[in-house]
C-alpha atoms as a PDB file:
ATOM      1  CA  MET A   1      19.764  -3.927  -7.535  1.00  0.00           C
ATOM      2  CA  ASP A   2      16.308  -4.592  -6.121  1.00  0.00           C
ATOM      3  CA  GLY A   3      12.762  -5.434  -7.130  1.00  0.00           C
ATOM      4  CA  LEU A   4      12.031  -7.922  -9.891  1.00  0.00           C
ATOM      5  CA  LYS A   5      15.363  -7.342 -11.639  1.00  0.00           C
ATOM      6  CA  GLY A   6      17.316  -8.077  -8.473  1.00  0.00           C
ATOM      7  CA  HIS A   7      15.204 -11.153  -7.806  1.00  0.00           C
ATOM      8  CA  ILE A   8      15.820 -12.580 -11.290  1.00  0.00           C
ATOM      9  CA  TYR A   9      19.520 -11.687 -11.105  1.00  0.00           C
ATOM     10  CA  ASN A  10      19.901 -13.642  -7.868  1.00  0.00           C
ATOM     11  CA  TRP A  11      17.894 -16.533  -9.303  1.00  0.00           C
ATOM     12  CA  LEU A  12      20.253 -16.719 -12.288  1.00  0.00           C
ATOM     13  CA  MET A  13      23.359 -16.532 -10.100  1.00  0.00           C
ATOM     14  CA  GLU A  14      22.100 -19.388  -7.940  1.00  0.00           C
ATOM     15  CA  LEU A  15      21.630 -21.437 -11.117  1.00  0.00           C
ATOM     16  CA  GLU A  16      25.192 -20.480 -12.125  1.00  0.00           C
ATOM     17  CA  GLU A  17      23.915 -18.621 -15.200  1.00  0.00           C
ATOM     18  CA  GLU A  18      26.477 -15.851 -14.794  1.00  0.00           C
ATOM     19  CA  LYS A  19      26.470 -14.773 -18.449  1.00  0.00           C
ATOM     20  CA  ALA A  20      22.700 -14.327 -18.366  1.00  0.00           C
ATOM     21  CA  ALA A  21      22.946 -12.449 -15.057  1.00  0.00           C
ATOM     22  CA  ASN A  22      25.580 -10.105 -16.484  1.00  0.00           C
ATOM     23  CA  PHE A  23      23.439  -9.573 -19.602  1.00  0.00           C
ATOM     24  CA  LEU A  24      20.541  -8.646 -17.328  1.00  0.00           C
ATOM     25  CA  ASN A  25      22.622  -5.809 -15.877  1.00  0.00           C
ATOM     26  CA  ASN A  26      22.114  -3.938 -19.168  1.00  0.00           C
ATOM     27  CA  CYS A  27      18.341  -4.380 -19.038  1.00  0.00           C
ATOM     28  CA  SER A  28      15.402  -3.090 -17.079  1.00  0.00           C
ATOM     29  CA  ILE A  29      12.349  -5.205 -16.239  1.00  0.00           C
ATOM     30  CA  ASP A  30       8.758  -4.087 -15.814  1.00  0.00           C
ATOM     31  CA  GLN A  31       5.833  -6.280 -14.842  1.00  0.00           C
ATOM     32  CA  LEU A  32       2.170  -5.496 -15.453  1.00  0.00           C
ATOM     33  CA  TYR A  33      -0.603  -7.067 -13.405  1.00  0.00           C
ATOM     34  CA  ILE A  34      -3.273  -8.475 -15.733  1.00  0.00           C
ATOM     35  CA  ASP A  35      -5.735 -10.526 -13.719  1.00  0.00           C
ATOM     36  CA  THR A  36      -6.280 -12.899 -10.792  1.00  0.00           C
ATOM     37  CA  LEU A  37      -7.002 -16.499 -11.735  1.00  0.00           C
ATOM     38  CA  PHE A  38      -9.014 -18.862  -9.535  1.00  0.00           C
ATOM     39  CA  SER A  39      -8.729 -22.661  -9.550  1.00  0.00           C
ATOM     40  CA  MET A  40     -12.004 -24.568 -10.003  1.00  0.00           C
ATOM     41  CA  ASP A  41     -11.148 -27.163  -7.354  1.00  0.00           C
ATOM     42  CA  SER A  42      -9.610 -24.907  -4.691  1.00  0.00           C
ATOM     43  CA  ASP A  43      -9.628 -21.363  -3.369  1.00  0.00           C
ATOM     44  CA  LYS A  44      -6.020 -20.783  -4.415  1.00  0.00           C
ATOM     45  CA  GLU A  45      -5.356 -17.594  -6.378  1.00  0.00           C
ATOM     46  CA  THR A  46      -2.823 -17.197  -9.176  1.00  0.00           C
ATOM     47  CA  TYR A  47      -1.784 -13.726 -10.309  1.00  0.00           C
ATOM     48  CA  MET A  48      -1.300 -13.182 -14.032  1.00  0.00           C
ATOM     49  CA  TYR A  49       1.379 -10.780 -15.216  1.00  0.00           C
ATOM     50  CA  GLU A  50       3.013  -9.676 -18.434  1.00  0.00           C
ATOM     51  CA  VAL A  51       6.724  -8.848 -18.326  1.00  0.00           C
ATOM     52  CA  THR A  52       8.622  -6.404 -20.543  1.00  0.00           C
ATOM     53  CA  ILE A  53      12.420  -6.482 -20.692  1.00  0.00           C
ATOM     54  CA  SER A  54      13.995  -3.332 -22.094  1.00  0.00           C
ATOM     55  CA  VAL A  55      17.411  -3.679 -23.775  1.00  0.00           C
ATOM     56  CA  PRO A  56      19.754  -1.001 -25.175  1.00  0.00           C
ATOM     57  CA  LEU A  57      19.057  -0.526 -28.878  1.00  0.00           C
ATOM     58  CA  LYS A  58      22.517  -1.630 -30.077  1.00  0.00           C
ATOM     59  CA  ILE A  59      22.134  -4.922 -28.177  1.00  0.00           C
ATOM     60  CA  HIS A  60      18.519  -5.440 -29.214  1.00  0.00           C
ATOM     61  CA  ARG A  61      19.476  -5.235 -32.910  1.00  0.00           C
ATOM     62  CA  LYS A  62      21.602  -8.381 -32.502  1.00  0.00           C
ATOM     63  CA  LEU A  63      19.487 -10.076 -29.847  1.00  0.00           C
ATOM     64  CA  GLU A  64      19.650 -13.416 -31.681  1.00  0.00           C
ATOM     65  CA  GLU A  65      23.350 -13.574 -30.789  1.00  0.00           C
ATOM     66  CA  TYR A  66      22.375 -13.756 -27.129  1.00  0.00           C
ATOM     67  CA  ILE A  67      19.830 -16.560 -27.416  1.00  0.00           C
ATOM     68  CA  ASN A  68      21.370 -18.526 -24.528  1.00  0.00           C
ATOM     69  CA  GLU A  69      21.270 -15.535 -22.199  1.00  0.00           C
ATOM     70  CA  THR A  70      17.752 -14.421 -23.140  1.00  0.00           C
ATOM     71  CA  SER A  71      16.393 -17.967 -22.855  1.00  0.00           C
ATOM     72  CA  ALA A  72      17.927 -18.340 -19.401  1.00  0.00           C
ATOM     73  CA  ILE A  73      16.403 -15.009 -18.304  1.00  0.00           C
ATOM     74  CA  GLU A  74      12.952 -15.954 -19.598  1.00  0.00           C
ATOM     75  CA  SER A  75      13.150 -19.335 -17.847  1.00  0.00           C
ATOM     76  CA  ALA A  76      14.177 -17.644 -14.596  1.00  0.00           C
ATOM     77  CA  ILE A  77      11.245 -15.227 -14.812  1.00  0.00           C
ATOM     78  CA  THR A  78       8.782 -18.050 -15.490  1.00  0.00           C
ATOM     79  CA  GLU A  79      10.172 -20.400 -12.844  1.00  0.00           C
ATOM     80  CA  SER A  80      10.440 -17.770 -10.124  1.00  0.00           C
ATOM     81  CA  GLY A  81       6.909 -16.616 -10.933  1.00  0.00           C
ATOM     82  CA  GLN A  82       5.575 -20.145 -10.552  1.00  0.00           C
ATOM     83  CA  SER A  83       7.269 -20.474  -7.166  1.00  0.00           C
ATOM     84  CA  ASP A  84       5.484 -17.284  -6.055  1.00  0.00           C
ATOM     85  CA  GLY A  85       2.032 -18.200  -7.371  1.00  0.00           C
ATOM     86  CA  ILE A  86       2.405 -15.958 -10.415  1.00  0.00           C
ATOM     87  CA  TYR A  87       1.614 -16.919 -14.004  1.00  0.00           C
ATOM     88  CA  VAL A  88       3.676 -14.983 -16.554  1.00  0.00           C
ATOM     89  CA  ARG A  89       1.457 -14.809 -19.628  1.00  0.00           C
ATOM     90  CA  GLU A  90       3.941 -13.166 -21.932  1.00  0.00           C
ATOM     91  CA  ILE A  91       7.536 -11.899 -21.948  1.00  0.00           C
ATOM     92  CA  ASN A  92       8.399  -9.135 -24.416  1.00  0.00           C
ATOM     93  CA  TRP A  93      11.809  -7.747 -25.361  1.00  0.00           C
ATOM     94  CA  ARG A  94      11.908  -4.123 -26.461  1.00  0.00           C
ATOM     95  CA  PRO A  95      14.729  -1.739 -27.439  1.00  0.00           C
ATOM     96  CA  TYR A  96      15.334   1.599 -25.792  1.00  0.00           C
ATOM     97  CA  LEU A  97      17.573   4.590 -26.445  1.00  0.00           C
ATOM     98  CA  LYS A  98      19.725   5.600 -23.484  1.00  0.00           C
ATOM     99  CA  SER A  99      18.267   9.093 -23.554  1.00  0.00           C
ATOM    100  CA  GLU A 100      14.764   7.644 -23.476  1.00  0.00           C
ATOM    101  CA  HIS A 101      15.730   5.314 -20.659  1.00  0.00           C
ATOM    102  CA  GLN A 102      16.343   8.256 -18.320  1.00  0.00           C
ATOM    103  CA  ILE A 103      12.934   9.631 -19.292  1.00  0.00           C
ATOM    104  CA  GLN A 104      11.401   6.302 -18.279  1.00  0.00           C
ATOM    105  CA  VAL A 105      13.261   6.399 -14.963  1.00  0.00           C
ATOM    106  CA  ASP A 106      11.891   9.886 -14.299  1.00  0.00           C
ATOM    107  CA  LYS A 107       8.424   8.726 -15.342  1.00  0.00           C
ATOM    108  CA  LYS A 108       8.559   5.906 -12.817  1.00  0.00           C
ATOM    109  CA  ALA A 109       9.479   8.379 -10.101  1.00  0.00           C
ATOM    110  CA  VAL A 110       6.358  10.362 -10.949  1.00  0.00           C
ATOM    111  CA  GLN A 111       4.246   7.204 -11.004  1.00  0.00           C
ATOM    112  CA  ILE A 112       5.314   6.445  -7.438  1.00  0.00           C
ATOM    113  CA  THR A 113       3.502   9.565  -6.271  1.00  0.00           C
ATOM    114  CA  GLU A 114       0.340   8.407  -8.040  1.00  0.00           C
ATOM    115  CA  LEU A 115       0.517   4.863  -6.707  1.00  0.00           C
ATOM    116  CA  LEU A 116      -0.183   5.328  -3.014  1.00  0.00           C
ATOM    117  CA  THR A 117      -3.959   5.023  -2.955  1.00  0.00           C
ATOM    118  CA  GLN A 118      -6.389   3.254  -0.631  1.00  0.00           C
ATOM    119  CA  GLU A 119      -7.089   0.696  -3.362  1.00  0.00           C
ATOM    120  CA  TYR A 120      -3.387  -0.033  -3.913  1.00  0.00           C
ATOM    121  CA  VAL A 121      -2.572  -0.445  -0.207  1.00  0.00           C
ATOM    122  CA  ASN A 122      -5.648  -2.612   0.386  1.00  0.00           C
ATOM    123  CA  LYS A 123      -4.739  -4.811  -2.582  1.00  0.00           C
ATOM    124  CA  GLN A 124      -1.151  -5.283  -1.397  1.00  0.00           C
ATOM    125  CA  ILE A 125      -2.258  -6.081   2.145  1.00  0.00           C
ATOM    126  CA  ARG A 126      -4.809  -8.581   0.841  1.00  0.00           C
ATOM    127  CA  LEU A 127      -2.162 -10.180  -1.375  1.00  0.00           C
ATOM    128  CA  MET A 128       0.236 -10.443   1.571  1.00  0.00           C
ATOM    129  CA  ASN A 129      -2.348 -12.040   3.847  1.00  0.00           C
ATOM    130  CA  ASN A 130      -3.451 -14.485   1.153  1.00  0.00           C
ATOM    131  CA  SER A 131       0.175 -15.529   0.646  1.00  0.00           C
ATOM    132  CA  ILE A 132       1.200 -16.091   4.287  1.00  0.00           C
ATOM    133  CA  GLU A 133       0.567 -19.847   4.221  1.00  0.00           C
ATOM    134  CA  SER A 134       0.757 -20.668   0.504  1.00  0.00           C
ATOM    135  CA  ASN A 135       3.646 -18.363  -0.504  1.00  0.00           C
ATOM    136  CA  PRO A 136       5.324 -16.956   2.642  1.00  0.00           C
ATOM    137  CA  HIS A 137       8.365 -15.773   0.666  1.00  0.00           C
ATOM    138  CA  LEU A 138       6.063 -13.711  -1.584  1.00  0.00           C
ATOM    139  CA  ALA A 139       4.335 -12.198   1.463  1.00  0.00           C
ATOM    140  CA  LEU A 140       7.691 -11.091   2.873  1.00  0.00           C
ATOM    141  CA  GLY A 141       8.761  -9.620  -0.464  1.00  0.00           C
ATOM    142  CA  ILE A 142       5.543  -7.607  -0.785  1.00  0.00           C
ATOM    143  CA  SER A 143       5.755  -6.373   2.819  1.00  0.00           C
ATOM    144  CA  LYS A 144       9.133  -4.782   2.086  1.00  0.00           C
ATOM    145  CA  GLU A 145       8.103  -3.375  -1.303  1.00  0.00           C
ATOM    146  CA  LEU A 146       4.927  -1.846   0.148  1.00  0.00           C
ATOM    147  CA  ILE A 147       6.912   0.141   2.714  1.00  0.00           C
ATOM    148  CA  GLU A 148       9.393   1.234   0.032  1.00  0.00           C
ATOM    149  CA  THR A 149       6.551   2.557  -2.119  1.00  0.00           C
ATOM    150  CA  CYS A 150       4.978   4.445   0.805  1.00  0.00           C
ATOM    151  CA  CYS A 151       8.283   6.045   1.779  1.00  0.00           C
ATOM    152  CA  LYS A 152       9.207   7.092  -1.758  1.00  0.00           C
ATOM    153  CA  HIS A 153       5.740   8.572  -2.237  1.00  0.00           C
ATOM    154  CA  ILE A 154       5.982  10.673   0.928  1.00  0.00           C
ATOM    155  CA  LEU A 155       9.538  11.830   0.225  1.00  0.00           C
ATOM    156  CA  LYS A 156       8.520  12.879  -3.303  1.00  0.00           C
ATOM    157  CA  GLU A 157       5.530  14.769  -1.899  1.00  0.00           C
ATOM    158  CA  GLU A 158       7.785  16.557   0.599  1.00  0.00           C
ATOM    159  CA  GLY A 159      10.292  17.442  -2.139  1.00  0.00           C
ATOM    160  CA  ILE A 160      13.036  15.331  -0.553  1.00  0.00           C
ATOM    161  CA  GLU A 161      15.488  13.681  -2.928  1.00  0.00           C
ATOM    162  CA  PHE A 162      16.314  10.069  -2.155  1.00  0.00           C
ATOM    163  CA  ASP A 163      19.098   7.864  -3.441  1.00  0.00           C
ATOM    164  CA  LYS A 164      18.074   4.841  -5.493  1.00  0.00           C
ATOM    165  CA  ASP A 165      20.594   2.797  -3.510  1.00  0.00           C
ATOM    166  CA  TRP A 166      18.993   3.513  -0.130  1.00  0.00           C
ATOM    167  CA  ASP A 167      17.713   0.373   1.545  1.00  0.00           C
ATOM    168  CA  VAL A 168      14.234   0.295   3.050  1.00  0.00           C
ATOM    169  CA  GLY A 169      15.592   1.004   6.549  1.00  0.00           C
ATOM    170  CA  ARG A 170      17.178   4.257   5.353  1.00  0.00           C
ATOM    171  CA  LEU A 171      13.984   5.157   3.478  1.00  0.00           C
ATOM    172  CA  VAL A 172      11.896   4.723   6.632  1.00  0.00           C
ATOM    173  CA  LYS A 173      14.308   6.813   8.734  1.00  0.00           C
ATOM    174  CA  GLU A 174      14.336   9.644   6.194  1.00  0.00           C
ATOM    175  CA  THR A 175      10.566   9.478   5.796  1.00  0.00           C
ATOM    176  CA  ASN A 176       9.958   9.648   9.554  1.00  0.00           C
ATOM    177  CA  LYS A 177      12.387  12.544   9.772  1.00  0.00           C
ATOM    178  CA  HIS A 178      10.542  14.624   7.183  1.00  0.00           C
ATOM    179  CA  ILE A 179       6.870  13.737   7.583  1.00  0.00           C
ATOM    180  CA  ASN A 180       4.569  16.424   8.862  1.00  0.00           C
ATOM    181  CA  LEU A 181       2.606  14.964  11.790  1.00  0.00           C
ATOM    182  CA  MET A 182       0.060  17.778  11.405  1.00  0.00           C
ATOM    183  CA  PRO A 183      -0.887  20.248  14.152  1.00  0.00           C
ATOM    184  CA  PHE A 184      -2.543  18.511  17.074  1.00  0.00           C
ATOM    185  CA  GLU A 185      -5.661  20.128  18.516  1.00  0.00           C
ATOM    186  CA  ILE A 186      -4.752  18.891  21.975  1.00  0.00           C
ATOM    187  CA  GLU A 187      -2.750  19.951  24.982  1.00  0.00           C
ATOM    188  CA  SER A 188       0.963  19.099  25.219  1.00  0.00           C
ATOM    189  CA  VAL A 189       1.512  19.025  21.475  1.00  0.00           C
ATOM    190  CA  ASP A 190       5.269  18.599  21.807  1.00  0.00           C
ATOM    191  CA  LEU A 191       4.834  15.595  24.098  1.00  0.00           C
ATOM    192  CA  ALA A 192       2.405  13.966  21.659  1.00  0.00           C
ATOM    193  CA  LYS A 193       4.747  14.487  18.714  1.00  0.00           C
ATOM    194  CA  SER A 194       7.715  13.200  20.705  1.00  0.00           C
ATOM    195  CA  SER A 195       5.814  10.065  21.740  1.00  0.00           C
ATOM    196  CA  ILE A 196       4.701   9.324  18.167  1.00  0.00           C
ATOM    197  CA  ALA A 197       8.248   9.884  16.935  1.00  0.00           C
ATOM    198  CA  LYS A 198       9.406   7.183  19.378  1.00  0.00           C
ATOM    199  CA  ILE A 199       6.804   4.758  18.014  1.00  0.00           C
ATOM    200  CA  LEU A 200       7.933   5.477  14.456  1.00  0.00           C
ATOM    201  CA  GLY A 201      11.533   4.978  15.548  1.00  0.00           C
ATOM    202  CA  GLY A 202      10.546   1.526  16.754  1.00  0.00           C
ATOM    203  CA  PHE A 203       9.131   0.796  13.321  1.00  0.00           C
ATOM    204  CA  SER A 204      12.587   1.443  11.861  1.00  0.00           C
ATOM    205  CA  ASN A 205      13.875  -1.574  13.789  1.00  0.00           C
ATOM    206  CA  ILE A 206      10.842  -3.599  12.719  1.00  0.00           C
ATOM    207  CA  VAL A 207      11.451  -2.766   9.057  1.00  0.00           C
ATOM    208  CA  HIS A 208      15.094  -3.763   9.440  1.00  0.00           C
ATOM    209  CA  GLY A 209      13.905  -7.152  10.719  1.00  0.00           C
ATOM    210  CA  ILE A 210      11.481  -7.510   7.800  1.00  0.00           C
ATOM    211  CA  THR A 211      14.321  -6.755   5.376  1.00  0.00           C
ATOM    212  CA  GLU A 212      16.516  -9.441   6.922  1.00  0.00           C
ATOM    213  CA  LEU A 213      13.679 -11.984   6.758  1.00  0.00           C
ATOM    214  CA  ARG A 214      12.927 -11.020   3.170  1.00  0.00           C
ATOM    215  CA  ASN A 215      16.568 -11.398   2.148  1.00  0.00           C
ATOM    216  CA  SER A 216      16.786 -14.857   3.715  1.00  0.00           C
ATOM    217  CA  TYR A 217      13.264 -16.194   3.213  1.00  0.00           C
ATOM    218  CA  GLY A 218      11.543 -13.826   0.785  1.00  0.00           C
ATOM    219  CA  THR A 219      11.466 -13.160  -2.950  1.00  0.00           C
ATOM    220  CA  GLY A 220      14.870 -11.442  -2.978  1.00  0.00           C
ATOM    221  CA  HIS A 221      16.697 -14.653  -3.913  1.00  0.00           C
ATOM    222  CA  GLY A 222      16.116 -17.860  -5.791  1.00  0.00           C
ATOM    223  CA  HIS A 223      15.863 -20.953  -3.610  1.00  0.00           C
ATOM    224  CA  SER A 224      16.742 -24.596  -4.037  1.00  0.00           C
ATOM    225  CA  PRO A 225      14.023 -27.283  -4.139  1.00  0.00           C
ATOM    226  CA  GLU A 226      15.034 -28.287  -0.577  1.00  0.00           C
ATOM    227  CA  PHE A 227      14.418 -24.766   0.748  1.00  0.00           C
ATOM    228  CA  LYS A 228      12.261 -24.627   3.900  1.00  0.00           C
ATOM    229  CA  SER A 229       9.990 -21.617   4.280  1.00  0.00           C
ATOM    230  CA  LEU A 230       9.671 -19.639   7.481  1.00  0.00           C
ATOM    231  CA  ASP A 231       6.765 -20.657   9.721  1.00  0.00           C
ATOM    232  CA  GLY A 232       3.601 -18.728   8.927  1.00  0.00           C
ATOM    233  CA  ILE A 233       3.267 -17.219  12.419  1.00  0.00           C
ATOM    234  CA  TYR A 234       6.480 -15.219  11.915  1.00  0.00           C
ATOM    235  CA  VAL A 235       5.540 -14.209   8.392  1.00  0.00           C
ATOM    236  CA  LYS A 236       2.202 -12.975   9.735  1.00  0.00           C
ATOM    237  CA  LEU A 237       4.041 -10.840  12.302  1.00  0.00           C
ATOM    238  CA  ALA A 238       6.081  -9.169   9.535  1.00  0.00           C
ATOM    239  CA  VAL A 239       2.996  -8.702   7.354  1.00  0.00           C
ATOM    240  CA  SER A 240       1.001  -7.173  10.225  1.00  0.00           C
ATOM    241  CA  ALA A 241       3.759  -4.699  11.068  1.00  0.00           C
ATOM    242  CA  SER A 242       4.207  -3.718   7.426  1.00  0.00           C
ATOM    243  CA  SER A 243       0.453  -3.292   6.985  1.00  0.00           C
ATOM    244  CA  GLU A 244       0.096  -1.036  10.032  1.00  0.00           C
ATOM    245  CA  LEU A 245       2.960   1.219   8.960  1.00  0.00           C
ATOM    246  CA  ALA A 246       1.621   1.433   5.387  1.00  0.00           C
ATOM    247  CA  ILE A 247      -1.873   2.298   6.651  1.00  0.00           C
ATOM    248  CA  PHE A 248      -0.415   4.996   8.908  1.00  0.00           C
ATOM    249  CA  TYR A 249       1.556   6.532   6.047  1.00  0.00           C
ATOM    250  CA  LEU A 250      -1.495   6.396   3.760  1.00  0.00           C
ATOM    251  CA  SER A 251      -3.761   7.961   6.402  1.00  0.00           C
ATOM    252  CA  LEU A 252      -1.222  10.697   6.983  1.00  0.00           C
ATOM    253  CA  THR A 253      -1.132  11.615   3.290  1.00  0.00           C
ATOM    254  CA  GLN A 254      -4.933  11.559   3.115  1.00  0.00           C
ATOM    255  CA  THR A 255      -5.176  13.832   6.159  1.00  0.00           C
ATOM    256  CA  LYS A 256      -2.691  16.234   4.607  1.00  0.00           C
ATOM    257  CA  THR A 257      -4.752  16.344   1.403  1.00  0.00           C
ATOM    258  CA  VAL A 258      -7.975  17.061   3.304  1.00  0.00           C
ATOM    259  CA  LYS A 259      -6.384  19.829   5.409  1.00  0.00           C
ATOM    260  CA  SER A 260      -4.755  21.490   2.400  1.00  0.00           C
ATOM    261  CA  SER A 261      -8.039  21.566   0.491  1.00  0.00           C
ATOM    262  CA  SER A 262     -10.120  22.928   3.373  1.00  0.00           C
END
């Protein structure tokens, strides 16, 4: 379980809201970015989102019987958002049919291939950099999610099936294994490709480190009020590495598009 759902699940478990956490297992959560809010007396940014929680139809029809669980989930979403500089404007509960749920899962897989754009990567990198000092745990969470998105995009483009349970380290390894580095118009092509493959292999270790930092200090878990964030200099290192790898992956896909259309 990863992403927002995994984050809220862990938040609930840390608050000992096990019933609410177990109820969440039957749901899926989607968040929609609405706007960026600016404070009048500071340069701090707050990101506004709307959240939709999808519940199986038979459970949704008697949702009032689960008022304790749904209230705990909504509180966890709001509280965790506040800790990450996010304002949740609205939380909606909607029913879904199991057959339709698989359609939505497939739709999300398609959306991944449409997501990797210059605008998206730039926005995520900007959000990471803006969060290094004010919300270091958010910066670490985004750095991991950005690489996941890039890898899933490339694997989809290459027609490679990936398991939803793969961690980001496995995604990076499989992506590096299948990416087309494009023909080099230079001498010693094999040497160049081998050298770049070694650099990408080093990034696999870097991503593993980012994942460990994210799990301990990022948005993957709820934290107690006494929690101490990682020093910004180390968060910046993770953000810089993630940004460079994402830019490389994006540039590679753009180059492939240009070459295929020429």
